[in-house]
PDB file of N, CA and C in Angstrom:
ATOM      1  N   MET A   1       0.917  -1.051  -0.212  1.00  0.00           N
ATOM      2  CA  MET A   1       0.126   0.036   0.202  1.00  0.00           C
ATOM      3  C   MET A   1       0.732   1.164   0.456  1.00  0.00           C
ATOM      4  N   PHE A   2       2.131   0.930   0.631  1.00  0.00           N
ATOM      5  CA  PHE A   2       2.936   2.274   0.863  1.00  0.00           C
ATOM      6  C   PHE A   2       3.675   2.378  -0.778  1.00  0.00           C
ATOM      7  N   ARG A   3       4.007   1.832  -1.737  1.00  0.00           N
ATOM      8  CA  ARG A   3       4.040   2.176  -2.686  1.00  0.00           C
ATOM      9  C   ARG A   3       3.062   2.957  -3.948  1.00  0.00           C
ATOM     10  N   ALA A   4       1.510   2.370  -3.629  1.00  0.00           N
ATOM     11  CA  ALA A   4       0.583   2.920  -4.271  1.00  0.00           C
ATOM     12  C   ALA A   4       0.627   4.337  -3.537  1.00  0.00           C
ATOM     13  N   LEU A   5       0.638   4.592  -2.583  1.00  0.00           N
ATOM     14  CA  LEU A   5       0.505   5.979  -2.393  1.00  0.00           C
ATOM     15  C   LEU A   5       1.392   6.513  -2.328  1.00  0.00           C
ATOM     16  N   ALA A   6       2.632   6.129  -2.438  1.00  0.00           N
ATOM     17  CA  ALA A   6       3.851   6.798  -3.622  1.00  0.00           C
ATOM     18  C   ALA A   6       3.938   7.870  -4.079  1.00  0.00           C
ATOM     19  N   ASP A   7       3.127   7.550  -5.167  1.00  0.00           N
ATOM     20  CA  ASP A   7       2.886   7.886  -6.206  1.00  0.00           C
ATOM     21  C   ASP A   7       2.074   9.081  -6.068  1.00  0.00           C
ATOM     22  N   PRO A   8       2.498  10.214  -6.797  1.00  0.00           N
ATOM     23  CA  PRO A   8       1.455  11.879  -6.431  1.00  0.00           C
ATOM     24  C   PRO A   8       0.340  11.548  -7.676  1.00  0.00           C
ATOM     25  N   VAL A   9       0.411  11.203  -8.127  1.00  0.00           N
ATOM     26  CA  VAL A   9      -0.203  10.632  -9.050  1.00  0.00           C
ATOM     27  C   VAL A   9      -1.356  10.135  -9.083  1.00  0.00           C
ATOM     28  N   ARG A  10      -0.928   8.802  -8.314  1.00  0.00           N
ATOM     29  CA  ARG A  10      -1.859   7.614  -7.374  1.00  0.00           C
ATOM     30  C   ARG A  10      -3.075   8.120  -6.480  1.00  0.00           C
ATOM     31  N   ARG A  11      -1.995   9.818  -5.249  1.00  0.00           N
ATOM     32  CA  ARG A  11      -2.427  10.227  -4.543  1.00  0.00           C
ATOM     33  C   ARG A  11      -3.937  11.083  -4.895  1.00  0.00           C
ATOM     34  N   ARG A  12      -3.372  11.370  -6.219  1.00  0.00           N
ATOM     35  CA  ARG A  12      -4.453  12.692  -6.853  1.00  0.00           C
ATOM     36  C   ARG A  12      -5.859  11.560  -7.647  1.00  0.00           C
ATOM     37  N   LEU A  13      -5.389  10.237  -8.179  1.00  0.00           N
ATOM     38  CA  LEU A  13      -6.757   9.841  -8.097  1.00  0.00           C
ATOM     39  C   LEU A  13      -7.549   9.628  -6.873  1.00  0.00           C
ATOM     40  N   LEU A  14      -7.472   8.987  -5.498  1.00  0.00           N
ATOM     41  CA  LEU A  14      -7.642   8.890  -4.728  1.00  0.00           C
ATOM     42  C   LEU A  14      -8.160  10.324  -4.252  1.00  0.00           C
ATOM     43  N   ASP A  15      -7.886  11.552  -4.778  1.00  0.00           N
ATOM     44  CA  ASP A  15      -8.658  12.734  -4.152  1.00  0.00           C
ATOM     45  C   ASP A  15      -9.675  12.774  -4.718  1.00  0.00           C
ATOM     46  N   ARG A  16      -9.320  12.763  -6.286  1.00  0.00           N
ATOM     47  CA  ARG A  16     -10.696  13.305  -6.966  1.00  0.00           C
ATOM     48  C   ARG A  16     -11.716  11.749  -6.610  1.00  0.00           C
ATOM     49  N   LEU A  17     -11.555  10.771  -6.089  1.00  0.00           N
ATOM     50  CA  LEU A  17     -13.076   9.169  -5.705  1.00  0.00           C
ATOM     51  C   LEU A  17     -13.144   9.847  -4.361  1.00  0.00           C
ATOM     52  N   HIS A  18     -12.570  10.540  -3.465  1.00  0.00           N
ATOM     53  CA  HIS A  18     -12.678  11.194  -1.975  1.00  0.00           C
ATOM     54  C   HIS A  18     -13.377  12.054  -2.728  1.00  0.00           C
ATOM     55  N   ALA A  19     -13.779  13.037  -3.168  1.00  0.00           N
ATOM     56  CA  ALA A  19     -14.853  13.514  -3.852  1.00  0.00           C
ATOM     57  C   ALA A  19     -15.853  13.760  -4.664  1.00  0.00           C
ATOM     58  N   GLU A  20     -15.336  12.977  -5.112  1.00  0.00           N
ATOM     59  CA  GLU A  20     -16.894  12.065  -5.926  1.00  0.00           C
ATOM     60  C   GLU A  20     -16.293  10.757  -6.368  1.00  0.00           C
ATOM     61  N   ASN A  21     -17.323  10.076  -5.551  1.00  0.00           N
ATOM     62  CA  ASN A  21     -16.806   8.730  -5.650  1.00  0.00           C
ATOM     63  C   ASN A  21     -17.206   7.716  -6.263  1.00  0.00           C
ATOM     64  N   GLY A  22     -17.162   6.551  -7.092  1.00  0.00           N
ATOM     65  CA  GLY A  22     -18.102   5.824  -8.162  1.00  0.00           C
ATOM     66  C   GLY A  22     -17.868   6.296  -9.794  1.00  0.00           C
ATOM     67  N   GLN A  23     -16.858   7.067  -9.938  1.00  0.00           N
ATOM     68  CA  GLN A  23     -16.341   7.154 -11.308  1.00  0.00           C
ATOM     69  C   GLN A  23     -15.584   6.290 -12.123  1.00  0.00           C
ATOM     70  N   ALA A  24     -16.034   6.377 -13.433  1.00  0.00           N
ATOM     71  CA  ALA A  24     -15.438   6.077 -14.917  1.00  0.00           C
ATOM     72  C   ALA A  24     -14.315   6.124 -15.328  1.00  0.00           C
ATOM     73  N   LEU A  25     -13.959   5.508 -16.073  1.00  0.00           N
ATOM     74  CA  LEU A  25     -12.362   5.961 -16.939  1.00  0.00           C
ATOM     75  C   LEU A  25     -12.466   7.138 -16.595  1.00  0.00           C
ATOM     76  N   VAL A  26     -12.794   7.668 -17.535  1.00  0.00           N
ATOM     77  CA  VAL A  26     -13.374   8.629 -18.345  1.00  0.00           C
ATOM     78  C   VAL A  26     -13.439   9.571 -17.800  1.00  0.00           C
ATOM     79  N   GLY A  27     -13.842   9.756 -16.858  1.00  0.00           N
ATOM     80  CA  GLY A  27     -14.027  10.665 -15.929  1.00  0.00           C
ATOM     81  C   GLY A  27     -12.661  11.514 -14.797  1.00  0.00           C
ATOM     82  N   LEU A  28     -12.228  10.200 -14.728  1.00  0.00           N
ATOM     83  CA  LEU A  28     -10.777  10.029 -14.298  1.00  0.00           C
ATOM     84  C   LEU A  28     -10.061  10.519 -14.915  1.00  0.00           C
ATOM     85  N   CYS A  29      -9.896  10.095 -16.278  1.00  0.00           N
ATOM     86  CA  CYS A  29      -9.032  10.866 -17.082  1.00  0.00           C
ATOM     87  C   CYS A  29      -8.635  12.248 -17.185  1.00  0.00           C
ATOM     88  N   GLU A  30     -10.374  12.853 -17.361  1.00  0.00           N
ATOM     89  CA  GLU A  30     -10.166  14.611 -17.437  1.00  0.00           C
ATOM     90  C   GLU A  30      -9.108  15.163 -16.708  1.00  0.00           C
ATOM     91  N   GLY A  31      -8.260  15.977 -17.036  1.00  0.00           N
ATOM     92  CA  GLY A  31      -7.190  16.708 -16.131  1.00  0.00           C
ATOM     93  C   GLY A  31      -6.597  16.432 -16.021  1.00  0.00           C
ATOM     94  N   MET A  32      -6.312  15.257 -16.039  1.00  0.00           N
ATOM     95  CA  MET A  32      -5.051  14.401 -15.720  1.00  0.00           C
ATOM     96  C   MET A  32      -3.739  14.479 -16.607  1.00  0.00           C
ATOM     97  N   GLY A  33      -4.229  14.948 -17.740  1.00  0.00           N
ATOM     98  CA  GLY A  33      -2.923  15.148 -19.017  1.00  0.00           C
ATOM     99  C   GLY A  33      -2.064  14.023 -18.900  1.00  0.00           C
ATOM    100  N   MET A  34      -3.313  12.635 -18.700  1.00  0.00           N
ATOM    101  CA  MET A  34      -1.947  11.324 -19.488  1.00  0.00           C
ATOM    102  C   MET A  34      -3.002  10.678 -20.209  1.00  0.00           C
ATOM    103  N   SER A  35      -2.517   9.404 -21.068  1.00  0.00           N
ATOM    104  CA  SER A  35      -3.407   8.780 -21.344  1.00  0.00           C
ATOM    105  C   SER A  35      -4.355   7.873 -20.685  1.00  0.00           C
ATOM    106  N   ARG A  36      -5.679   7.037 -21.407  1.00  0.00           N
ATOM    107  CA  ARG A  36      -6.166   6.465 -21.086  1.00  0.00           C
ATOM    108  C   ARG A  36      -5.082   4.944 -20.127  1.00  0.00           C
ATOM    109  N   GLN A  37      -4.294   4.798 -21.063  1.00  0.00           N
ATOM    110  CA  GLN A  37      -3.924   3.868 -20.623  1.00  0.00           C
ATOM    111  C   GLN A  37      -3.044   3.665 -18.776  1.00  0.00           C
ATOM    112  N   ALA A  38      -2.005   4.958 -18.592  1.00  0.00           N
ATOM    113  CA  ALA A  38      -1.558   5.351 -18.059  1.00  0.00           C
ATOM    114  C   ALA A  38      -2.649   5.375 -16.943  1.00  0.00           C
ATOM    115  N   VAL A  39      -3.357   6.058 -16.370  1.00  0.00           N
ATOM    116  CA  VAL A  39      -4.483   6.616 -15.394  1.00  0.00           C
ATOM    117  C   VAL A  39      -4.856   4.538 -15.605  1.00  0.00           C
ATOM    118  N   THR A  40      -5.094   4.213 -16.606  1.00  0.00           N
ATOM    119  CA  THR A  40      -5.432   2.524 -16.034  1.00  0.00           C
ATOM    120  C   THR A  40      -4.510   1.916 -15.401  1.00  0.00           C
ATOM    121  N   LYS A  41      -3.389   2.292 -15.536  1.00  0.00           N
ATOM    122  CA  LYS A  41      -2.473   1.501 -14.957  1.00  0.00           C
ATOM    123  C   LYS A  41      -2.643   2.030 -13.140  1.00  0.00           C
ATOM    124  N   HIS A  42      -2.795   3.202 -13.164  1.00  0.00           N
ATOM    125  CA  HIS A  42      -2.827   3.613 -11.610  1.00  0.00           C
ATOM    126  C   HIS A  42      -3.355   3.065 -11.003  1.00  0.00           C
ATOM    127  N   LEU A  43      -4.731   3.248 -11.853  1.00  0.00           N
ATOM    128  CA  LEU A  43      -6.243   2.703 -11.229  1.00  0.00           C
ATOM    129  C   LEU A  43      -5.927   0.977 -10.434  1.00  0.00           C
ATOM    130  N   LYS A  44      -4.569  -0.234 -11.452  1.00  0.00           N
ATOM    131  CA  LYS A  44      -4.163  -1.232 -10.915  1.00  0.00           C
ATOM    132  C   LYS A  44      -3.692  -1.173  -9.723  1.00  0.00           C
ATOM    133  N   VAL A  45      -2.221  -0.208  -9.777  1.00  0.00           N
ATOM    134  CA  VAL A  45      -1.639  -0.656  -8.846  1.00  0.00           C
ATOM    135  C   VAL A  45      -2.581  -0.458  -7.689  1.00  0.00           C
ATOM    136  N   LEU A  46      -3.770   1.133  -7.570  1.00  0.00           N
ATOM    137  CA  LEU A  46      -4.517   0.883  -6.446  1.00  0.00           C
ATOM    138  C   LEU A  46      -5.618   0.407  -6.389  1.00  0.00           C
ATOM    139  N   GLU A  47      -5.541  -0.790  -7.103  1.00  0.00           N
ATOM    140  CA  GLU A  47      -6.574  -1.628  -6.922  1.00  0.00           C
ATOM    141  C   GLU A  47      -6.045  -2.670  -6.035  1.00  0.00           C
ATOM    142  N   GLU A  48      -4.772  -3.157  -6.551  1.00  0.00           N
ATOM    143  CA  GLU A  48      -3.946  -4.177  -6.015  1.00  0.00           C
ATOM    144  C   GLU A  48      -3.669  -4.424  -4.395  1.00  0.00           C
ATOM    145  N   ALA A  49      -3.640  -2.514  -3.800  1.00  0.00           N
ATOM    146  CA  ALA A  49      -2.831  -2.156  -2.554  1.00  0.00           C
ATOM    147  C   ALA A  49      -4.288  -2.109  -2.335  1.00  0.00           C
ATOM    148  N   GLY A  50      -5.555  -2.681  -2.789  1.00  0.00           N
ATOM    149  CA  GLY A  50      -6.895  -2.443  -2.153  1.00  0.00           C
ATOM    150  C   GLY A  50      -7.064  -1.882  -1.829  1.00  0.00           C
ATOM    151  N   LEU A  51      -6.965  -0.239  -2.235  1.00  0.00           N
ATOM    152  CA  LEU A  51      -7.475   0.915  -2.028  1.00  0.00           C
ATOM    153  C   LEU A  51      -8.825   1.540  -3.095  1.00  0.00           C
ATOM    154  N   VAL A  52      -8.731   1.459  -3.690  1.00  0.00           N
ATOM    155  CA  VAL A  52     -10.044   1.468  -5.479  1.00  0.00           C
ATOM    156  C   VAL A  52     -10.173  -0.028  -5.114  1.00  0.00           C
ATOM    157  N   VAL A  53     -11.611  -0.029  -5.379  1.00  0.00           N
ATOM    158  CA  VAL A  53     -12.813  -1.331  -5.611  1.00  0.00           C
ATOM    159  C   VAL A  53     -13.303  -0.755  -7.117  1.00  0.00           C
ATOM    160  N   ALA A  54     -13.215  -1.210  -8.127  1.00  0.00           N
ATOM    161  CA  ALA A  54     -13.561  -1.565  -9.258  1.00  0.00           C
ATOM    162  C   ALA A  54     -15.003  -2.117  -9.456  1.00  0.00           C
ATOM    163  N   LEU A  55     -16.591  -1.494  -9.703  1.00  0.00           N
ATOM    164  CA  LEU A  55     -17.391  -2.662 -10.415  1.00  0.00           C
ATOM    165  C   LEU A  55     -18.118  -2.354 -11.315  1.00  0.00           C
ATOM    166  N   ARG A  56     -18.338  -3.109 -11.651  1.00  0.00           N
ATOM    167  CA  ARG A  56     -19.258  -3.003 -12.903  1.00  0.00           C
ATOM    168  C   ARG A  56     -20.709  -2.747 -12.576  1.00  0.00           C
ATOM    169  N   ARG A  57     -20.578  -2.437 -13.985  1.00  0.00           N
ATOM    170  CA  ARG A  57     -22.303  -1.247 -14.300  1.00  0.00           C
ATOM    171  C   ARG A  57     -22.667  -1.506 -15.318  1.00  0.00           C
ATOM    172  N   GLY A  58     -23.364  -2.271 -15.897  1.00  0.00           N
ATOM    173  CA  GLY A  58     -23.610  -2.240 -17.521  1.00  0.00           C
ATOM    174  C   GLY A  58     -22.262  -2.802 -18.424  1.00  0.00           C
ATOM    175  N   ARG A  59     -21.936  -1.430 -19.275  1.00  0.00           N
ATOM    176  CA  ARG A  59     -20.654  -2.125 -20.025  1.00  0.00           C
ATOM    177  C   ARG A  59     -20.072  -1.078 -19.286  1.00  0.00           C
ATOM    178  N   GLU A  60     -20.222  -0.402 -18.013  1.00  0.00           N
ATOM    179  CA  GLU A  60     -19.148   1.306 -17.113  1.00  0.00           C
ATOM    180  C   GLU A  60     -18.297   0.242 -16.069  1.00  0.00           C
ATOM    181  N   LYS A  61     -17.559   0.442 -15.545  1.00  0.00           N
ATOM    182  CA  LYS A  61     -16.536  -0.056 -14.712  1.00  0.00           C
ATOM    183  C   LYS A  61     -16.360   1.436 -13.726  1.00  0.00           C
ATOM    184  N   LEU A  62     -16.966   0.757 -12.548  1.00  0.00           N
ATOM    185  CA  LEU A  62     -17.091   2.471 -11.967  1.00  0.00           C
ATOM    186  C   LEU A  62     -15.961   2.333 -10.684  1.00  0.00           C
ATOM    187  N   HIS A  63     -15.169   3.369 -10.180  1.00  0.00           N
ATOM    188  CA  HIS A  63     -14.082   3.008  -9.467  1.00  0.00           C
ATOM    189  C   HIS A  63     -14.603   3.558  -8.009  1.00  0.00           C
ATOM    190  N   HIS A  64     -14.555   3.229  -7.194  1.00  0.00           N
ATOM    191  CA  HIS A  64     -14.658   3.383  -5.740  1.00  0.00           C
ATOM    192  C   HIS A  64     -13.602   3.625  -4.320  1.00  0.00           C
ATOM    193  N   LEU A  65     -13.429   4.743  -3.981  1.00  0.00           N
ATOM    194  CA  LEU A  65     -12.109   4.517  -3.077  1.00  0.00           C
ATOM    195  C   LEU A  65     -13.087   3.861  -1.244  1.00  0.00           C
ATOM    196  N   ASN A  66     -11.750   2.989  -1.135  1.00  0.00           N
ATOM    197  CA  ASN A  66     -11.450   1.813   0.201  1.00  0.00           C
ATOM    198  C   ASN A  66     -11.222   2.666   0.741  1.00  0.00           C
ATOM    199  N   PRO A  67     -11.636   3.231   2.188  1.00  0.00           N
ATOM    200  CA  PRO A  67     -10.975   4.091   3.093  1.00  0.00           C
ATOM    201  C   PRO A  67     -10.223   3.272   3.931  1.00  0.00           C
ATOM    202  N   ALA A  68     -11.192   2.279   4.068  1.00  0.00           N
ATOM    203  CA  ALA A  68     -10.744   1.199   5.151  1.00  0.00           C
ATOM    204  C   ALA A  68      -8.611   0.745   5.816  1.00  0.00           C
ATOM    205  N   PRO A  69      -8.024   0.453   4.144  1.00  0.00           N
ATOM    206  CA  PRO A  69      -7.047  -0.159   4.502  1.00  0.00           C
ATOM    207  C   PRO A  69      -5.460   0.965   5.126  1.00  0.00           C
ATOM    208  N   ILE A  70      -6.052   2.535   4.624  1.00  0.00           N
ATOM    209  CA  ILE A  70      -5.688   3.515   5.327  1.00  0.00           C
ATOM    210  C   ILE A  70      -5.782   4.239   6.710  1.00  0.00           C
ATOM    211  N   GLN A  71      -7.550   3.648   7.062  1.00  0.00           N
ATOM    212  CA  GLN A  71      -7.545   3.863   8.424  1.00  0.00           C
ATOM    213  C   GLN A  71      -6.884   3.125   9.412  1.00  0.00           C
ATOM    214  N   GLU A  72      -6.538   1.457   9.123  1.00  0.00           N
ATOM    215  CA  GLU A  72      -5.669   0.613   9.029  1.00  0.00           C
ATOM    216  C   GLU A  72      -4.197   1.081   9.693  1.00  0.00           C
ATOM    217  N   ILE A  73      -3.961   1.273   8.539  1.00  0.00           N
ATOM    218  CA  ILE A  73      -3.037   2.097   8.975  1.00  0.00           C
ATOM    219  C   ILE A  73      -2.438   3.193   9.756  1.00  0.00           C
ATOM    220  N   ALA A  74      -3.409   4.163   9.681  1.00  0.00           N
ATOM    221  CA  ALA A  74      -3.255   5.054  10.604  1.00  0.00           C
ATOM    222  C   ALA A  74      -4.070   4.654  11.902  1.00  0.00           C
ATOM    223  N   ASP A  75      -4.453   3.366  12.413  1.00  0.00           N
ATOM    224  CA  ASP A  75      -5.194   2.849  13.761  1.00  0.00           C
ATOM    225  C   ASP A  75      -3.540   2.203  14.595  1.00  0.00           C
ATOM    226  N   ARG A  76      -2.644   0.974  12.988  1.00  0.00           N
ATOM    227  CA  ARG A  76      -2.027   0.610  14.226  1.00  0.00           C
ATOM    228  C   ARG A  76       0.201   1.756  13.624  1.00  0.00           C
ATOM    229  N   TRP A  77       0.189   2.817  13.030  1.00  0.00           N
ATOM    230  CA  TRP A  77       1.447   3.313  13.121  1.00  0.00           C
ATOM    231  C   TRP A  77       0.676   4.565  14.053  1.00  0.00           C
ATOM    232  N   ILE A  78      -0.024   5.554  13.019  1.00  0.00           N
ATOM    233  CA  ILE A  78      -0.119   6.693  13.481  1.00  0.00           C
ATOM    234  C   ILE A  78      -1.100   6.532  14.896  1.00  0.00           C
ATOM    235  N   GLY A  79      -1.370   6.038  15.051  1.00  0.00           N
ATOM    236  CA  GLY A  79      -1.847   5.925  16.443  1.00  0.00           C
ATOM    237  C   GLY A  79      -1.656   5.661  17.894  1.00  0.00           C
ATOM    238  N   LYS A  80       0.140   4.892  17.436  1.00  0.00           N
ATOM    239  CA  LYS A  80       0.513   4.293  18.538  1.00  0.00           C
ATOM    240  C   LYS A  80       1.719   6.140  19.582  1.00  0.00           C
ATOM    241  N   PHE A  81       1.816   7.294  18.074  1.00  0.00           N
ATOM    242  CA  PHE A  81       2.367   8.365  18.544  1.00  0.00           C
ATOM    243  C   PHE A  81       0.990   9.526  18.947  1.00  0.00           C
ATOM    244  N   GLU A  82       1.435  10.625  19.978  1.00  0.00           N
ATOM    245  CA  GLU A  82       0.313  11.391  20.225  1.00  0.00           C
ATOM    246  C   GLU A  82      -0.233  11.908  18.803  1.00  0.00           C
ATOM    247  N   ARG A  83      -1.117  12.039  18.539  1.00  0.00           N
ATOM    248  CA  ARG A  83      -2.154  13.175  17.782  1.00  0.00           C
ATOM    249  C   ARG A  83      -1.592  13.709  17.060  1.00  0.00           C
ATOM    250  N   VAL A  84      -1.494  14.889  17.937  1.00  0.00           N
ATOM    251  CA  VAL A  84      -0.970  16.316  18.175  1.00  0.00           C
ATOM    252  C   VAL A  84       0.097  16.637  17.858  1.00  0.00           C
ATOM    253  N   ARG A  85       1.062  15.842  18.798  1.00  0.00           N
ATOM    254  CA  ARG A  85       2.689  16.128  18.421  1.00  0.00           C
ATOM    255  C   ARG A  85       3.030  15.374  16.867  1.00  0.00           C
ATOM    256  N   VAL A  86       2.525  14.374  15.817  1.00  0.00           N
ATOM    257  CA  VAL A  86       2.093  14.664  15.271  1.00  0.00           C
ATOM    258  C   VAL A  86       1.677  15.690  13.912  1.00  0.00           C
ATOM    259  N   ARG A  87       0.631  15.903  14.808  1.00  0.00           N
ATOM    260  CA  ARG A  87      -0.031  17.291  13.700  1.00  0.00           C
ATOM    261  C   ARG A  87       1.093  18.849  13.693  1.00  0.00           C
ATOM    262  N   ALA A  88       1.455  18.572  14.995  1.00  0.00           N
ATOM    263  CA  ALA A  88       2.161  20.375  14.850  1.00  0.00           C
ATOM    264  C   ALA A  88       3.855  20.016  14.277  1.00  0.00           C
ATOM    265  N   LEU A  89       4.353  18.173  14.296  1.00  0.00           N
ATOM    266  CA  LEU A  89       5.704  17.972  13.448  1.00  0.00           C
ATOM    267  C   LEU A  89       4.724  18.259  11.754  1.00  0.00           C
ATOM    268  N   ALA A  90       3.847  18.286  11.531  1.00  0.00           N
ATOM    269  CA  ALA A  90       3.293  18.124   9.927  1.00  0.00           C
ATOM    270  C   ALA A  90       2.880  19.523   9.370  1.00  0.00           C
ATOM    271  N   ASP A  91       2.211  19.991  10.567  1.00  0.00           N
ATOM    272  CA  ASP A  91       2.053  21.534  10.844  1.00  0.00           C
ATOM    273  C   ASP A  91       3.494  22.370  10.355  1.00  0.00           C
ATOM    274  N   LEU A  92       4.581  22.208  11.356  1.00  0.00           N
ATOM    275  CA  LEU A  92       6.167  22.897  11.170  1.00  0.00           C
ATOM    276  C   LEU A  92       6.450  22.107   9.264  1.00  0.00           C
ATOM    277  N   LYS A  93       6.714  21.211   9.344  1.00  0.00           N
ATOM    278  CA  LYS A  93       7.139  20.788   7.961  1.00  0.00           C
ATOM    279  C   LYS A  93       6.405  21.644   6.798  1.00  0.00           C
ATOM    280  N   ALA A  94       5.460  21.742   6.721  1.00  0.00           N
ATOM    281  CA  ALA A  94       4.246  22.410   5.764  1.00  0.00           C
ATOM    282  C   ALA A  94       4.558  23.687   5.781  1.00  0.00           C
ATOM    283  N   GLU A  95       4.819  24.260   7.218  1.00  0.00           N
ATOM    284  CA  GLU A  95       5.350  25.883   6.910  1.00  0.00           C
ATOM    285  C   GLU A  95       6.693  25.699   6.395  1.00  0.00           C
ATOM    286  N   LEU A  96       7.591  25.307   7.314  1.00  0.00           N
ATOM    287  CA  LEU A  96       8.757  25.586   6.297  1.00  0.00           C
ATOM    288  C   LEU A  96       9.128  25.380   5.144  1.00  0.00           C
ATOM    289  N   GLU A  97       8.298  24.500   4.508  1.00  0.00           N
ATOM    290  CA  GLU A  97       8.679  23.688   3.804  1.00  0.00           C
ATOM    291  C   GLU A  97       7.695  25.434   2.505  1.00  0.00           C
ATOM    292  N   GLY A  98       6.737  25.353   2.665  1.00  0.00           N
ATOM    293  CA  GLY A  98       6.135  26.945   2.369  1.00  0.00           C
ATOM    294  C   GLY A  98       6.693  28.469   2.173  1.00  0.00           C
ATOM    295  N   GLY A  99       7.427  28.716   3.323  1.00  0.00           N
ATOM    296  CA  GLY A  99       7.965  29.834   3.492  1.00  0.00           C
ATOM    297  C   GLY A  99       9.086  29.500   2.467  1.00  0.00           C
ATOM    298  N   SER A 100      10.056  28.274   2.228  1.00  0.00           N
ATOM    299  CA  SER A 100      10.560  28.803   2.253  1.00  0.00           C
ATOM    300  C   SER A 100      10.815  29.544  -0.522  1.00  0.00           C
ATOM    301  N   ASP A 101       9.856  29.600  -0.026  1.00  0.00           N
ATOM    302  CA  ASP A 101       9.305  30.583  -1.455  1.00  0.00           C
ATOM    303  C   ASP A 101       9.558  32.185  -1.164  1.00  0.00           C
ATOM    304  N   GLY A 102       8.958  32.572  -0.214  1.00  0.00           N
ATOM    305  CA  GLY A 102       9.037  33.841  -0.016  1.00  0.00           C
ATOM    306  C   GLY A 102       9.946  34.615   0.623  1.00  0.00           C
TER     307      GLY A 102
END
């Protein structure tokens, strides 16, 4: 699952499914700036990781977000640490990275 989440294109696909679940390939390809075949390969990696479930509806194949594996990782790994401390570190990282532009 970490390999699947490591790619920014796959994270973007997950974000798009989070915003609108149950999308067909045509909808997911819009605005991605890549071929249908490339998006299909990314979706396959996400499916193999259990992060996306594809269901057929007639001739369409609809892709749905499966948040359960992410929640399991959060419970197992992030839950071991104080969430407040982890959030503070993430906020600091974002601030430092954003501050280097100006």
